[in-house]
Amino acid sequence: MRLVLASASPRRLALLGQIGIVPDAVVATDIDETPGKAEIPRLLAQRLARGKAAAVNEPGAFVLAADTVVGLGRRVLPKAESEAEAATCLDLLSGRRHHVLTAVVLIDPMGRRSERVCDSVVAFNRITPAQKRAYLDSGEWQGKAGGYAIQGRAAALIRFLSGSHSNVVGLPLFETAQLLRGAGYPIP
């Protein structure tokens, strides 16, 4: 049984490896990730994961796709591409709770789609100017949803996590394994 991961994220590939899953192929998809006007975080994550899965043309294979969105209320925080964007995200997250939502979509060899959305709640401590500067200088925020990576230096800023840690990194492993098992993909 062939498994294709529809993702350019090295974190997702590494997370799958943690549970003994090695995809047969990794395909980076190129879809527009711009949030729609008034699109809420959960719906954005679902739309993007579905779009990534649909963009892979691998008949007869399992196609696994995911997208992670950081939401502050109804607001979608960007994947920080500049230091200024990352600084704005950190300012918004400082001392507050937010949601990290990952939609996981699996298309089985018969073309049937199944999906799950994992929602984790994360709270940052109040971030001091020195902590903010140190984190921005690390460069770890680049390309990360919400401008931070929980698996790195940002872990020292997080006072609370309810839900899946692997979800906040970028792929909820329990939900992913359940989808694969349910579709008949052998899980080690």
C-alpha atoms as a PDB file:
ATOM      1  CA  MET A   1       0.000   0.000   0.000  1.00  0.00           C
ATOM      2  CA  ARG A   2       1.480   3.266  -1.153  1.00  0.00           C
ATOM      3  CA  LEU A   3       1.305   6.368   1.074  1.00  0.00           C
ATOM      4  CA  VAL A   4       1.900   9.877  -0.262  1.00  0.00           C
ATOM      5  CA  LEU A   5       2.385  12.786   2.118  1.00  0.00           C
ATOM      6  CA  ALA A   6       1.077  15.998   0.556  1.00  0.00           C
ATOM      7  CA  SER A   7       3.315  18.393   2.457  1.00  0.00           C
ATOM      8  CA  ALA A   8       6.509  20.382   2.141  1.00  0.00           C
ATOM      9  CA  SER A   9       6.896  20.380   5.935  1.00  0.00           C
ATOM     10  CA  PRO A  10       9.920  18.497   7.267  1.00  0.00           C
ATOM     11  CA  ARG A  11       8.218  18.562  10.693  1.00  0.00           C
ATOM     12  CA  ARG A  12       5.265  16.505   9.427  1.00  0.00           C
ATOM     13  CA  LEU A  13       7.589  13.954   7.881  1.00  0.00           C
ATOM     14  CA  ALA A  14       9.580  13.707  11.134  1.00  0.00           C
ATOM     15  CA  LEU A  15       6.405  13.392  13.203  1.00  0.00           C
ATOM     16  CA  LEU A  16       5.168  10.505  11.052  1.00  0.00           C
ATOM     17  CA  GLY A  17       8.559   8.852  11.570  1.00  0.00           C
ATOM     18  CA  GLN A  18       8.025   9.035  15.338  1.00  0.00           C
ATOM     19  CA  ILE A  19       5.140   6.573  14.993  1.00  0.00           C
ATOM     20  CA  GLY A  20       6.939   4.366  12.478  1.00  0.00           C
ATOM     21  CA  ILE A  21       5.296   5.669   9.312  1.00  0.00           C
ATOM     22  CA  VAL A  22       7.539   6.422   6.341  1.00  0.00           C
ATOM     23  CA  PRO A  23       5.643   7.720   3.291  1.00  0.00           C
ATOM     24  CA  ASP A  24       6.542   6.280  -0.096  1.00  0.00           C
ATOM     25  CA  ALA A  25       6.550   9.788  -1.549  1.00  0.00           C
ATOM     26  CA  VAL A  26       6.413  13.373  -0.349  1.00  0.00           C
ATOM     27  CA  VAL A  27       4.740  15.850  -2.676  1.00  0.00           C
ATOM     28  CA  ALA A  28       4.840  19.571  -2.012  1.00  0.00           C
ATOM     29  CA  THR A  29       1.585  21.111  -3.152  1.00  0.00           C
ATOM     30  CA  ASP A  30       1.202  24.675  -4.314  1.00  0.00           C
ATOM     31  CA  ILE A  31      -2.187  26.009  -3.324  1.00  0.00           C
ATOM     32  CA  ASP A  32      -3.288  29.504  -2.398  1.00  0.00           C
ATOM     33  CA  GLU A  33      -3.246  29.680   1.400  1.00  0.00           C
ATOM     34  CA  THR A  34      -4.758  33.145   1.655  1.00  0.00           C
ATOM     35  CA  PRO A  35      -7.596  33.185   4.190  1.00  0.00           C
ATOM     36  CA  GLY A  36     -10.983  34.126   2.766  1.00  0.00           C
ATOM     37  CA  LYS A  37     -12.696  37.228   4.016  1.00  0.00           C
ATOM     38  CA  ALA A  38     -14.096  36.426   7.477  1.00  0.00           C
ATOM     39  CA  GLU A  39     -12.893  32.771   7.188  1.00  0.00           C
ATOM     40  CA  ILE A  40     -12.525  31.363  10.692  1.00  0.00           C
ATOM     41  CA  PRO A  41      -9.431  29.324  11.668  1.00  0.00           C
ATOM     42  CA  ARG A  42     -11.102  25.871  11.727  1.00  0.00           C
ATOM     43  CA  LEU A  43     -12.656  26.289   8.288  1.00  0.00           C
ATOM     44  CA  LEU A  44      -9.406  27.631   6.843  1.00  0.00           C
ATOM     45  CA  ALA A  45      -7.453  24.621   8.143  1.00  0.00           C
ATOM     46  CA  GLN A  46     -10.030  22.250   6.643  1.00  0.00           C
ATOM     47  CA  ARG A  47     -10.117  24.019   3.274  1.00  0.00           C
ATOM     48  CA  LEU A  48      -6.336  24.055   2.982  1.00  0.00           C
ATOM     49  CA  ALA A  49      -5.870  20.404   3.990  1.00  0.00           C
ATOM     50  CA  ARG A  50      -8.570  19.336   1.530  1.00  0.00           C
ATOM     51  CA  GLY A  51      -6.958  21.431  -1.185  1.00  0.00           C
ATOM     52  CA  LYS A  52      -3.533  19.912  -0.567  1.00  0.00           C
ATOM     53  CA  ALA A  53      -4.927  16.372  -0.660  1.00  0.00           C
ATOM     54  CA  ALA A  54      -6.887  17.060  -3.853  1.00  0.00           C
ATOM     55  CA  ALA A  55      -3.812  18.573  -5.548  1.00  0.00           C
ATOM     56  CA  VAL A  56      -1.978  15.230  -5.445  1.00  0.00           C
ATOM     57  CA  ASN A  57      -2.683  12.961  -8.395  1.00  0.00           C
ATOM     58  CA  GLU A  58      -1.700   9.494  -7.173  1.00  0.00           C
ATOM     59  CA  PRO A  59      -4.409   6.999  -8.183  1.00  0.00           C
ATOM     60  CA  GLY A  60      -4.465   3.883  -6.032  1.00  0.00           C
ATOM     61  CA  ALA A  61      -2.476   5.456  -3.195  1.00  0.00           C
ATOM     62  CA  PHE A  62      -3.306   6.784   0.222  1.00  0.00           C
ATOM     63  CA  VAL A  63      -2.842  10.567   0.177  1.00  0.00           C
ATOM     64  CA  LEU A  64      -2.334  12.275   3.532  1.00  0.00           C
ATOM     65  CA  ALA A  65      -2.477  16.058   3.875  1.00  0.00           C
ATOM     66  CA  ALA A  66      -2.642  18.468   6.790  1.00  0.00           C
ATOM     67  CA  ASP A  67      -2.697  22.157   7.519  1.00  0.00           C
ATOM     68  CA  THR A  68      -2.126  23.940  10.813  1.00  0.00           C
ATOM     69  CA  VAL A  69      -3.685  27.291  11.639  1.00  0.00           C
ATOM     70  CA  VAL A  70      -3.185  29.423  14.735  1.00  0.00           C
ATOM     71  CA  GLY A  71      -6.358  31.205  15.756  1.00  0.00           C
ATOM     72  CA  LEU A  72      -6.860  33.976  18.252  1.00  0.00           C
ATOM     73  CA  GLY A  73     -10.610  34.124  18.592  1.00  0.00           C
ATOM     74  CA  ARG A  74     -11.923  34.343  15.033  1.00  0.00           C
ATOM     75  CA  ARG A  75      -8.642  35.836  13.834  1.00  0.00           C
ATOM     76  CA  VAL A  76      -6.155  33.763  11.822  1.00  0.00           C
ATOM     77  CA  LEU A  77      -2.529  34.478  12.665  1.00  0.00           C
ATOM     78  CA  PRO A  78      -0.183  34.239   9.670  1.00  0.00           C
ATOM     79  CA  LYS A  79       2.756  31.999   8.958  1.00  0.00           C
ATOM     80  CA  ALA A  80       5.331  34.620   9.832  1.00  0.00           C
ATOM     81  CA  GLU A  81       7.426  35.554   6.820  1.00  0.00           C
ATOM     82  CA  SER A  82       9.066  38.664   8.275  1.00  0.00           C
ATOM     83  CA  GLU A  83      10.403  39.655  11.661  1.00  0.00           C
ATOM     84  CA  ALA A  84       7.723  42.337  11.878  1.00  0.00           C
ATOM     85  CA  GLU A  85       4.985  39.722  11.327  1.00  0.00           C
ATOM     86  CA  ALA A  86       6.518  37.461  13.968  1.00  0.00           C
ATOM     87  CA  ALA A  87       6.765  40.375  16.416  1.00  0.00           C
ATOM     88  CA  THR A  88       3.092  41.215  15.871  1.00  0.00           C
ATOM     89  CA  CYS A  89       2.122  37.572  16.483  1.00  0.00           C
ATOM     90  CA  LEU A  90       4.150  37.443  19.701  1.00  0.00           C
ATOM     91  CA  ASP A  91       2.565  40.698  20.892  1.00  0.00           C
ATOM     92  CA  LEU A  92      -0.903  39.294  20.235  1.00  0.00           C
ATOM     93  CA  LEU A  93      -0.132  35.970  21.938  1.00  0.00           C
ATOM     94  CA  SER A  94       1.642  37.405  24.981  1.00  0.00           C
ATOM     95  CA  GLY A  95      -0.280  36.556  28.153  1.00  0.00           C
ATOM     96  CA  ARG A  96      -3.187  35.046  26.216  1.00  0.00           C
ATOM     97  CA  ARG A  97      -4.652  31.694  25.230  1.00  0.00           C
ATOM     98  CA  HIS A  98      -5.066  30.742  21.598  1.00  0.00           C
ATOM     99  CA  HIS A  99      -6.063  27.717  19.544  1.00  0.00           C
ATOM    100  CA  VAL A 100      -3.881  25.639  17.266  1.00  0.00           C
ATOM    101  CA  LEU A 101      -6.044  23.772  14.784  1.00  0.00           C
ATOM    102  CA  THR A 102      -4.760  21.124  12.424  1.00  0.00           C
ATOM    103  CA  ALA A 103      -7.003  19.561   9.827  1.00  0.00           C
ATOM    104  CA  VAL A 104      -5.839  16.149   8.624  1.00  0.00           C
ATOM    105  CA  VAL A 105      -7.286  14.746   5.408  1.00  0.00           C
ATOM    106  CA  LEU A 106      -6.804  11.238   4.064  1.00  0.00           C
ATOM    107  CA  ILE A 107      -7.870  10.096   0.616  1.00  0.00           C
ATOM    108  CA  ASP A 108      -7.859   6.307   0.358  1.00  0.00           C
ATOM    109  CA  PRO A 109      -7.010   4.282  -2.774  1.00  0.00           C
ATOM    110  CA  MET A 110     -10.725   4.204  -3.705  1.00  0.00           C
ATOM    111  CA  GLY A 111     -10.905   8.010  -3.608  1.00  0.00           C
ATOM    112  CA  ARG A 112     -12.875   8.241  -0.359  1.00  0.00           C
ATOM    113  CA  ARG A 113     -11.965  11.176   1.864  1.00  0.00           C
ATOM    114  CA  SER A 114     -11.894  11.130   5.651  1.00  0.00           C
ATOM    115  CA  GLU A 115     -10.759  13.898   7.924  1.00  0.00           C
ATOM    116  CA  ARG A 116     -10.250  15.075  11.474  1.00  0.00           C
ATOM    117  CA  VAL A 117      -9.613  18.457  13.062  1.00  0.00           C
ATOM    118  CA  CYS A 118      -7.515  18.598  16.202  1.00  0.00           C
ATOM    119  CA  ASP A 119      -7.821  21.665  18.433  1.00  0.00           C
ATOM    120  CA  SER A 120      -5.198  22.388  21.097  1.00  0.00           C
ATOM    121  CA  VAL A 121      -5.261  25.348  23.455  1.00  0.00           C
ATOM    122  CA  VAL A 122      -1.949  27.065  24.160  1.00  0.00           C
ATOM    123  CA  ALA A 123      -1.236  29.942  26.540  1.00  0.00           C
ATOM    124  CA  PHE A 124       1.846  32.100  26.502  1.00  0.00           C
ATOM    125  CA  ASN A 125       3.193  33.768  29.602  1.00  0.00           C
ATOM    126  CA  ARG A 126       3.536  37.536  29.333  1.00  0.00           C
ATOM    127  CA  ILE A 127       6.519  37.955  27.035  1.00  0.00           C
ATOM    128  CA  THR A 128       9.058  40.519  28.184  1.00  0.00           C
ATOM    129  CA  PRO A 129      10.776  42.768  25.624  1.00  0.00           C
ATOM    130  CA  ALA A 130      14.051  40.871  26.220  1.00  0.00           C
ATOM    131  CA  GLN A 131      12.363  37.479  25.654  1.00  0.00           C
ATOM    132  CA  LYS A 132      10.712  38.778  22.501  1.00  0.00           C
ATOM    133  CA  ARG A 133      13.996  40.136  21.143  1.00  0.00           C
ATOM    134  CA  ALA A 134      15.828  36.876  21.907  1.00  0.00           C
ATOM    135  CA  TYR A 135      13.123  34.822  20.208  1.00  0.00           C
ATOM    136  CA  LEU A 136      13.054  37.041  17.141  1.00  0.00           C
ATOM    137  CA  ASP A 137      16.865  36.908  16.930  1.00  0.00           C
ATOM    138  CA  SER A 138      16.721  33.092  16.953  1.00  0.00           C
ATOM    139  CA  GLY A 139      14.962  33.104  13.553  1.00  0.00           C
ATOM    140  CA  GLU A 140      12.971  30.087  14.694  1.00  0.00           C
ATOM    141  CA  TRP A 141       9.691  31.883  13.860  1.00  0.00           C
ATOM    142  CA  GLN A 142      10.317  31.882  10.092  1.00  0.00           C
ATOM    143  CA  GLY A 143       7.452  30.276   8.217  1.00  0.00           C
ATOM    144  CA  LYS A 144       5.748  29.107  11.420  1.00  0.00           C
ATOM    145  CA  ALA A 145       2.022  29.539  11.957  1.00  0.00           C
ATOM    146  CA  GLY A 146       1.521  32.158  14.636  1.00  0.00           C
ATOM    147  CA  GLY A 147       5.214  33.071  14.493  1.00  0.00           C
ATOM    148  CA  TYR A 148       6.482  30.391  16.890  1.00  0.00           C
ATOM    149  CA  ALA A 149       7.644  26.792  17.129  1.00  0.00           C
ATOM    150  CA  ILE A 150       6.643  24.980  20.343  1.00  0.00           C
ATOM    151  CA  GLN A 151       9.299  22.337  19.717  1.00  0.00           C
ATOM    152  CA  GLY A 152      12.041  24.939  20.077  1.00  0.00           C
ATOM    153  CA  ARG A 153      12.825  27.994  22.173  1.00  0.00           C
ATOM    154  CA  ALA A 154       9.183  29.089  22.369  1.00  0.00           C
ATOM    155  CA  ALA A 155       8.575  26.187  24.771  1.00  0.00           C
ATOM    156  CA  ALA A 156      10.122  28.349  27.503  1.00  0.00           C
ATOM    157  CA  LEU A 157       7.402  30.979  26.920  1.00  0.00           C
ATOM    158  CA  ILE A 158       4.418  28.634  27.072  1.00  0.00           C
ATOM    159  CA  ARG A 159       2.751  28.241  30.461  1.00  0.00           C
ATOM    160  CA  PHE A 160      -0.165  26.022  29.450  1.00  0.00           C
ATOM    161  CA  LEU A 161      -1.061  23.441  26.826  1.00  0.00           C
ATOM    162  CA  SER A 162      -4.322  21.537  26.661  1.00  0.00           C
ATOM    163  CA  GLY A 163      -4.520  18.979  23.902  1.00  0.00           C
ATOM    164  CA  SER A 164      -2.039  17.407  21.540  1.00  0.00           C
ATOM    165  CA  HIS A 165       1.571  18.589  21.598  1.00  0.00           C
ATOM    166  CA  SER A 166       2.217  17.000  18.187  1.00  0.00           C
ATOM    167  CA  ASN A 167      -0.747  18.984  16.853  1.00  0.00           C
ATOM    168  CA  VAL A 168       0.955  22.235  17.847  1.00  0.00           C
ATOM    169  CA  VAL A 169       4.144  21.048  16.129  1.00  0.00           C
ATOM    170  CA  GLY A 170       2.120  20.416  12.953  1.00  0.00           C
ATOM    171  CA  LEU A 171       0.524  16.958  12.839  1.00  0.00           C
ATOM    172  CA  PRO A 172      -1.707  15.385  15.524  1.00  0.00           C
ATOM    173  CA  LEU A 173      -0.302  11.871  15.640  1.00  0.00           C
ATOM    174  CA  PHE A 174      -3.176  10.138  17.428  1.00  0.00           C
ATOM    175  CA  GLU A 175      -5.785  11.487  14.990  1.00  0.00           C
ATOM    176  CA  THR A 176      -3.550  10.755  11.993  1.00  0.00           C
ATOM    177  CA  ALA A 177      -2.974   7.159  13.095  1.00  0.00           C
ATOM    178  CA  GLN A 178      -6.724   6.708  13.669  1.00  0.00           C
ATOM    179  CA  LEU A 179      -7.510   7.966  10.156  1.00  0.00           C
ATOM    180  CA  LEU A 180      -4.935   5.653   8.594  1.00  0.00           C
ATOM    181  CA  ARG A 181      -6.071   2.611  10.601  1.00  0.00           C
ATOM    182  CA  GLY A 182      -9.711   3.323   9.830  1.00  0.00           C
ATOM    183  CA  ALA A 183      -8.953   3.421   6.109  1.00  0.00           C
ATOM    184  CA  GLY A 184      -7.048   0.132   6.232  1.00  0.00           C
ATOM    185  CA  TYR A 185      -3.492   1.445   6.089  1.00  0.00           C
ATOM    186  CA  PRO A 186      -1.172  -0.774   8.188  1.00  0.00           C
ATOM    187  CA  ILE A 187       0.206   1.076  11.209  1.00  0.00           C
ATOM    188  CA  PRO A 188       3.301  -0.477  12.833  1.00  0.00           C
END
